[in-house]
Amino acid sequence: MASPIMKHFAYEHLPAHLQEVSKPIGELARQMDEALPDGAEKSAGLRKLLEANDCLVRARLG
């Protein structure tokens, strides 16, 4: 079962120019969620990826 935070990595609803930024990060988050055991470090890593995703999408908005 996916971690609850994974819902925040959805990118399909974004315009194409923002999906270009968000999709690779969302895919990496999914890979890490599937590959790593649940725990505090995985949760922290996924939160940091989400924070990076938010920052990079805002950077694209300019």
PDB file of N, CA and C in Angstrom:
ATOM      1  N   MET A   1       0.845  -1.184   0.000  1.00  0.00           N
ATOM      2  CA  MET A   1       0.000   0.000   0.000  1.00  0.00           C
ATOM      3  C   MET A   1       0.888   1.244   0.000  1.00  0.00           C
ATOM      4  N   ALA A   2       0.521   2.204  -0.774  1.00  0.00           N
ATOM      5  CA  ALA A   2       1.299   3.439  -0.903  1.00  0.00           C
ATOM      6  C   ALA A   2       1.204   4.276   0.371  1.00  0.00           C
ATOM      7  N   SER A   3       2.267   5.018   0.640  1.00  0.00           N
ATOM      8  CA  SER A   3       2.272   5.945   1.773  1.00  0.00           C
ATOM      9  C   SER A   3       1.221   7.028   1.540  1.00  0.00           C
ATOM     10  N   PRO A   4       0.592   7.500   2.606  1.00  0.00           N
ATOM     11  CA  PRO A   4      -0.445   8.539   2.457  1.00  0.00           C
ATOM     12  C   PRO A   4       0.035   9.802   1.747  1.00  0.00           C
ATOM     13  N   ILE A   5       1.305  10.152   1.880  1.00  0.00           N
ATOM     14  CA  ILE A   5       1.826  11.366   1.261  1.00  0.00           C
ATOM     15  C   ILE A   5       1.818  11.296  -0.268  1.00  0.00           C
ATOM     16  N   MET A   6       1.749  10.091  -0.806  1.00  0.00           N
ATOM     17  CA  MET A   6       1.864   9.915  -2.259  1.00  0.00           C
ATOM     18  C   MET A   6       0.771  10.639  -3.032  1.00  0.00           C
ATOM     19  N   LYS A   7      -0.378  10.859  -2.420  1.00  0.00           N
ATOM     20  CA  LYS A   7      -1.466  11.563  -3.121  1.00  0.00           C
ATOM     21  C   LYS A   7      -1.053  12.986  -3.495  1.00  0.00           C
ATOM     22  N   HIS A   8      -0.097  13.540  -2.771  1.00  0.00           N
ATOM     23  CA  HIS A   8       0.337  14.915  -3.034  1.00  0.00           C
ATOM     24  C   HIS A   8       1.318  15.020  -4.197  1.00  0.00           C
ATOM     25  N   PHE A   9       1.759  13.883  -4.720  1.00  0.00           N
ATOM     26  CA  PHE A   9       2.658  13.883  -5.868  1.00  0.00           C
ATOM     27  C   PHE A   9       1.900  13.786  -7.199  1.00  0.00           C
ATOM     28  N   ALA A  10       0.576  13.805  -7.153  1.00  0.00           N
ATOM     29  CA  ALA A  10      -0.213  13.753  -8.394  1.00  0.00           C
ATOM     30  C   ALA A  10       0.136  14.951  -9.269  1.00  0.00           C
ATOM     31  N   TYR A  11       0.238  14.718 -10.547  1.00  0.00           N
ATOM     32  CA  TYR A  11       0.610  15.793 -11.475  1.00  0.00           C
ATOM     33  C   TYR A  11      -0.310  15.859 -12.687  1.00  0.00           C
ATOM     34  N   GLU A  12      -1.193  14.892 -12.833  1.00  0.00           N
ATOM     35  CA  GLU A  12      -2.043  14.807 -14.032  1.00  0.00           C
ATOM     36  C   GLU A  12      -2.946  16.023 -14.200  1.00  0.00           C
ATOM     37  N   HIS A  13      -3.291  16.678 -13.115  1.00  0.00           N
ATOM     38  CA  HIS A  13      -4.206  17.825 -13.150  1.00  0.00           C
ATOM     39  C   HIS A  13      -3.495  19.118 -13.555  1.00  0.00           C
ATOM     40  N   LEU A  14      -2.178  19.088 -13.610  1.00  0.00           N
ATOM     41  CA  LEU A  14      -1.410  20.303 -13.913  1.00  0.00           C
ATOM     42  C   LEU A  14      -1.337  20.555 -15.415  1.00  0.00           C
ATOM     43  N   PRO A  15      -1.165  21.799 -15.813  1.00  0.00           N
ATOM     44  CA  PRO A  15      -0.920  22.095 -17.228  1.00  0.00           C
ATOM     45  C   PRO A  15       0.392  21.430 -17.673  1.00  0.00           C
ATOM     46  N   ALA A  16       0.522  21.203 -18.962  1.00  0.00           N
ATOM     47  CA  ALA A  16       1.658  20.454 -19.504  1.00  0.00           C
ATOM     48  C   ALA A  16       3.010  21.031 -19.080  1.00  0.00           C
ATOM     49  N   HIS A  17       3.151  22.361 -19.069  1.00  0.00           N
ATOM     50  CA  HIS A  17       4.449  22.944 -18.734  1.00  0.00           C
ATOM     51  C   HIS A  17       4.826  22.719 -17.264  1.00  0.00           C
ATOM     52  N   LEU A  18       3.843  22.513 -16.399  1.00  0.00           N
ATOM     53  CA  LEU A  18       4.132  22.198 -15.004  1.00  0.00           C
ATOM     54  C   LEU A  18       4.311  20.700 -14.801  1.00  0.00           C
ATOM     55  N   GLN A  19       3.633  19.899 -15.612  1.00  0.00           N
ATOM     56  CA  GLN A  19       3.831  18.453 -15.551  1.00  0.00           C
ATOM     57  C   GLN A  19       5.267  18.083 -15.899  1.00  0.00           C
ATOM     58  N   GLU A  20       5.880  18.849 -16.791  1.00  0.00           N
ATOM     59  CA  GLU A  20       7.274  18.584 -17.160  1.00  0.00           C
ATOM     60  C   GLU A  20       8.190  18.629 -15.947  1.00  0.00           C
ATOM     61  N   VAL A  21       7.865  19.466 -14.990  1.00  0.00           N
ATOM     62  CA  VAL A  21       8.655  19.604 -13.767  1.00  0.00           C
ATOM     63  C   VAL A  21       8.225  18.560 -12.734  1.00  0.00           C
ATOM     64  N   SER A  22       6.936  18.413 -12.545  1.00  0.00           N
ATOM     65  CA  SER A  22       6.397  17.605 -11.460  1.00  0.00           C
ATOM     66  C   SER A  22       6.438  16.098 -11.724  1.00  0.00           C
ATOM     67  N   LYS A  23       6.252  15.692 -12.960  1.00  0.00           N
ATOM     68  CA  LYS A  23       6.159  14.255 -13.262  1.00  0.00           C
ATOM     69  C   LYS A  23       7.413  13.473 -12.875  1.00  0.00           C
ATOM     70  N   PRO A  24       8.617  13.919 -13.231  1.00  0.00           N
ATOM     71  CA  PRO A  24       9.798  13.138 -12.846  1.00  0.00           C
ATOM     72  C   PRO A  24       9.968  13.003 -11.337  1.00  0.00           C
ATOM     73  N   ILE A  25       9.586  14.027 -10.600  1.00  0.00           N
ATOM     74  CA  ILE A  25       9.696  13.965  -9.143  1.00  0.00           C
ATOM     75  C   ILE A  25       8.648  13.005  -8.588  1.00  0.00           C
ATOM     76  N   GLY A  26       7.443  13.060  -9.130  1.00  0.00           N
ATOM     77  CA  GLY A  26       6.402  12.137  -8.706  1.00  0.00           C
ATOM     78  C   GLY A  26       6.766  10.698  -9.003  1.00  0.00           C
ATOM     79  N   GLU A  27       7.386  10.460 -10.146  1.00  0.00           N
ATOM     80  CA  GLU A  27       7.805   9.102 -10.495  1.00  0.00           C
ATOM     81  C   GLU A  27       8.913   8.613  -9.569  1.00  0.00           C
ATOM     82  N   LEU A  28       9.862   9.493  -9.238  1.00  0.00           N
ATOM     83  CA  LEU A  28      10.913   9.130  -8.291  1.00  0.00           C
ATOM     84  C   LEU A  28      10.314   8.812  -6.923  1.00  0.00           C
ATOM     85  N   ALA A  29       9.375   9.628  -6.479  1.00  0.00           N
ATOM     86  CA  ALA A  29       8.721   9.384  -5.187  1.00  0.00           C
ATOM     87  C   ALA A  29       8.038   8.018  -5.197  1.00  0.00           C
ATOM     88  N   ARG A  30       7.351   7.690  -6.281  1.00  0.00           N
ATOM     89  CA  ARG A  30       6.680   6.386  -6.373  1.00  0.00           C
ATOM     90  C   ARG A  30       7.691   5.248  -6.302  1.00  0.00           C
ATOM     91  N   GLN A  31       8.791   5.380  -7.031  1.00  0.00           N
ATOM     92  CA  GLN A  31       9.828   4.342  -7.012  1.00  0.00           C
ATOM     93  C   GLN A  31      10.380   4.145  -5.603  1.00  0.00           C
ATOM     94  N   MET A  32      10.654   5.243  -4.922  1.00  0.00           N
ATOM     95  CA  MET A  32      11.209   5.148  -3.575  1.00  0.00           C
ATOM     96  C   MET A  32      10.183   4.587  -2.593  1.00  0.00           C
ATOM     97  N   ASP A  33       8.922   4.964  -2.748  1.00  0.00           N
ATOM     98  CA  ASP A  33       7.872   4.452  -1.876  1.00  0.00           C
ATOM     99  C   ASP A  33       7.746   2.943  -2.022  1.00  0.00           C
ATOM    100  N   GLU A  34       7.874   2.459  -3.249  1.00  0.00           N
ATOM    101  CA  GLU A  34       7.752   1.024  -3.497  1.00  0.00           C
ATOM    102  C   GLU A  34       9.005   0.257  -3.079  1.00  0.00           C
ATOM    103  N   ALA A  35      10.179   0.856  -3.213  1.00  0.00           N
ATOM    104  CA  ALA A  35      11.434   0.144  -3.003  1.00  0.00           C
ATOM    105  C   ALA A  35      11.906   0.119  -1.548  1.00  0.00           C
ATOM    106  N   LEU A  36      11.530   1.120  -0.777  1.00  0.00           N
ATOM    107  CA  LEU A  36      12.074   1.253   0.569  1.00  0.00           C
ATOM    108  C   LEU A  36      11.066   0.828   1.632  1.00  0.00           C
ATOM    109  N   PRO A  37      11.587   0.293   2.747  1.00  0.00           N
ATOM    110  CA  PRO A  37      10.676  -0.086   3.837  1.00  0.00           C
ATOM    111  C   PRO A  37      10.110   1.156   4.518  1.00  0.00           C
ATOM    112  N   ASP A  38       8.917   1.020   5.059  1.00  0.00           N
ATOM    113  CA  ASP A  38       8.304   2.118   5.797  1.00  0.00           C
ATOM    114  C   ASP A  38       9.157   2.466   7.004  1.00  0.00           C
ATOM    115  N   GLY A  39       9.187   3.723   7.325  1.00  0.00           N
ATOM    116  CA  GLY A  39       9.942   4.168   8.489  1.00  0.00           C
ATOM    117  C   GLY A  39      10.116   5.672   8.469  1.00  0.00           C
ATOM    118  N   ALA A  40      10.714   6.171   9.523  1.00  0.00           N
ATOM    119  CA  ALA A  40      10.866   7.611   9.686  1.00  0.00           C
ATOM    120  C   ALA A  40      11.717   8.231   8.582  1.00  0.00           C
ATOM    121  N   GLU A  41      12.786   7.559   8.176  1.00  0.00           N
ATOM    122  CA  GLU A  41      13.666   8.125   7.157  1.00  0.00           C
ATOM    123  C   GLU A  41      12.983   8.174   5.789  1.00  0.00           C
ATOM    124  N   LYS A  42      12.233   7.147   5.452  1.00  0.00           N
ATOM    125  CA  LYS A  42      11.485   7.172   4.185  1.00  0.00           C
ATOM    126  C   LYS A  42      10.455   8.295   4.209  1.00  0.00           C
ATOM    127  N   SER A  43       9.749   8.446   5.313  1.00  0.00           N
ATOM    128  CA  SER A  43       8.769   9.520   5.426  1.00  0.00           C
ATOM    129  C   SER A  43       9.429  10.883   5.278  1.00  0.00           C
ATOM    130  N   ALA A  44      10.569  11.065   5.932  1.00  0.00           N
ATOM    131  CA  ALA A  44      11.284  12.339   5.829  1.00  0.00           C
ATOM    132  C   ALA A  44      11.746  12.584   4.400  1.00  0.00           C
ATOM    133  N   GLY A  45      12.260  11.555   3.751  1.00  0.00           N
ATOM    134  CA  GLY A  45      12.723  11.704   2.372  1.00  0.00           C
ATOM    135  C   GLY A  45      11.592  12.068   1.429  1.00  0.00           C
ATOM    136  N   LEU A  46      10.443  11.428   1.587  1.00  0.00           N
ATOM    137  CA  LEU A  46       9.300  11.747   0.734  1.00  0.00           C
ATOM    138  C   LEU A  46       8.793  13.162   0.993  1.00  0.00           C
ATOM    139  N   ARG A  47       8.809  13.598   2.248  1.00  0.00           N
ATOM    140  CA  ARG A  47       8.405  14.976   2.552  1.00  0.00           C
ATOM    141  C   ARG A  47       9.347  15.972   1.892  1.00  0.00           C
ATOM    142  N   LYS A  48      10.632  15.680   1.908  1.00  0.00           N
ATOM    143  CA  LYS A  48      11.605  16.585   1.284  1.00  0.00           C
ATOM    144  C   LYS A  48      11.442  16.600  -0.233  1.00  0.00           C
ATOM    145  N   LEU A  49      11.138  15.445  -0.828  1.00  0.00           N
ATOM    146  CA  LEU A  49      10.860  15.421  -2.267  1.00  0.00           C
ATOM    147  C   LEU A  49       9.622  16.255  -2.581  1.00  0.00           C
ATOM    148  N   LEU A  50       8.609  16.171  -1.744  1.00  0.00           N
ATOM    149  CA  LEU A  50       7.404  16.961  -1.962  1.00  0.00           C
ATOM    150  C   LEU A  50       7.709  18.453  -1.849  1.00  0.00           C
ATOM    151  N   GLU A  51       8.524  18.814  -0.873  1.00  0.00           N
ATOM    152  CA  GLU A  51       8.914  20.219  -0.733  1.00  0.00           C
ATOM    153  C   GLU A  51       9.694  20.683  -1.964  1.00  0.00           C
ATOM    154  N   ALA A  52      10.604  19.843  -2.450  1.00  0.00           N
ATOM    155  CA  ALA A  52      11.361  20.183  -3.656  1.00  0.00           C
ATOM    156  C   ALA A  52      10.434  20.320  -4.854  1.00  0.00           C
ATOM    157  N   ASN A  53       9.483  19.427  -4.974  1.00  0.00           N
ATOM    158  CA  ASN A  53       8.525  19.490  -6.071  1.00  0.00           C
ATOM    159  C   ASN A  53       7.769  20.819  -6.040  1.00  0.00           C
ATOM    160  N   ASP A  54       7.287  21.190  -4.867  1.00  0.00           N
ATOM    161  CA  ASP A  54       6.554  22.456  -4.738  1.00  0.00           C
ATOM    162  C   ASP A  54       7.428  23.637  -5.156  1.00  0.00           C
ATOM    163  N   CYS A  55       8.660  23.650  -4.682  1.00  0.00           N
ATOM    164  CA  CYS A  55       9.574  24.764  -5.015  1.00  0.00           C
ATOM    165  C   CYS A  55       9.856  24.823  -6.516  1.00  0.00           C
ATOM    166  N   LEU A  56      10.096  23.683  -7.130  1.00  0.00           N
ATOM    167  CA  LEU A  56      10.460  23.662  -8.544  1.00  0.00           C
ATOM    168  C   LEU A  56       9.269  24.013  -9.440  1.00  0.00           C
ATOM    169  N   VAL A  57       8.081  23.591  -9.044  1.00  0.00           N
ATOM    170  CA  VAL A  57       6.883  23.990  -9.800  1.00  0.00           C
ATOM    171  C   VAL A  57       6.695  25.502  -9.696  1.00  0.00           C
ATOM    172  N   ARG A  58       6.888  26.064  -8.489  1.00  0.00           N
ATOM    173  CA  ARG A  58       6.769  27.514  -8.335  1.00  0.00           C
ATOM    174  C   ARG A  58       7.844  28.233  -9.143  1.00  0.00           C
ATOM    175  N   ALA A  59       9.037  27.650  -9.238  1.00  0.00           N
ATOM    176  CA  ALA A  59      10.100  28.252 -10.044  1.00  0.00           C
ATOM    177  C   ALA A  59       9.686  28.313 -11.514  1.00  0.00           C
ATOM    178  N   ARG A  60       9.015  27.284 -11.996  1.00  0.00           N
ATOM    179  CA  ARG A  60       8.549  27.272 -13.381  1.00  0.00           C
ATOM    180  C   ARG A  60       7.482  28.336 -13.588  1.00  0.00           C
ATOM    181  N   LEU A  61       6.697  28.603 -12.560  1.00  0.00           N
ATOM    182  CA  LEU A  61       5.666  29.643 -12.671  1.00  0.00           C
ATOM    183  C   LEU A  61       6.292  31.027 -12.757  1.00  0.00           C
ATOM    184  N   GLY A  62       7.530  31.138 -12.238  1.00  0.00           N
ATOM    185  CA  GLY A  62       8.341  32.290 -12.411  1.00  0.00           C
ATOM    186  C   GLY A  62       8.042  33.508 -11.708  1.00  0.00           C
TER     187      GLY A  62
END
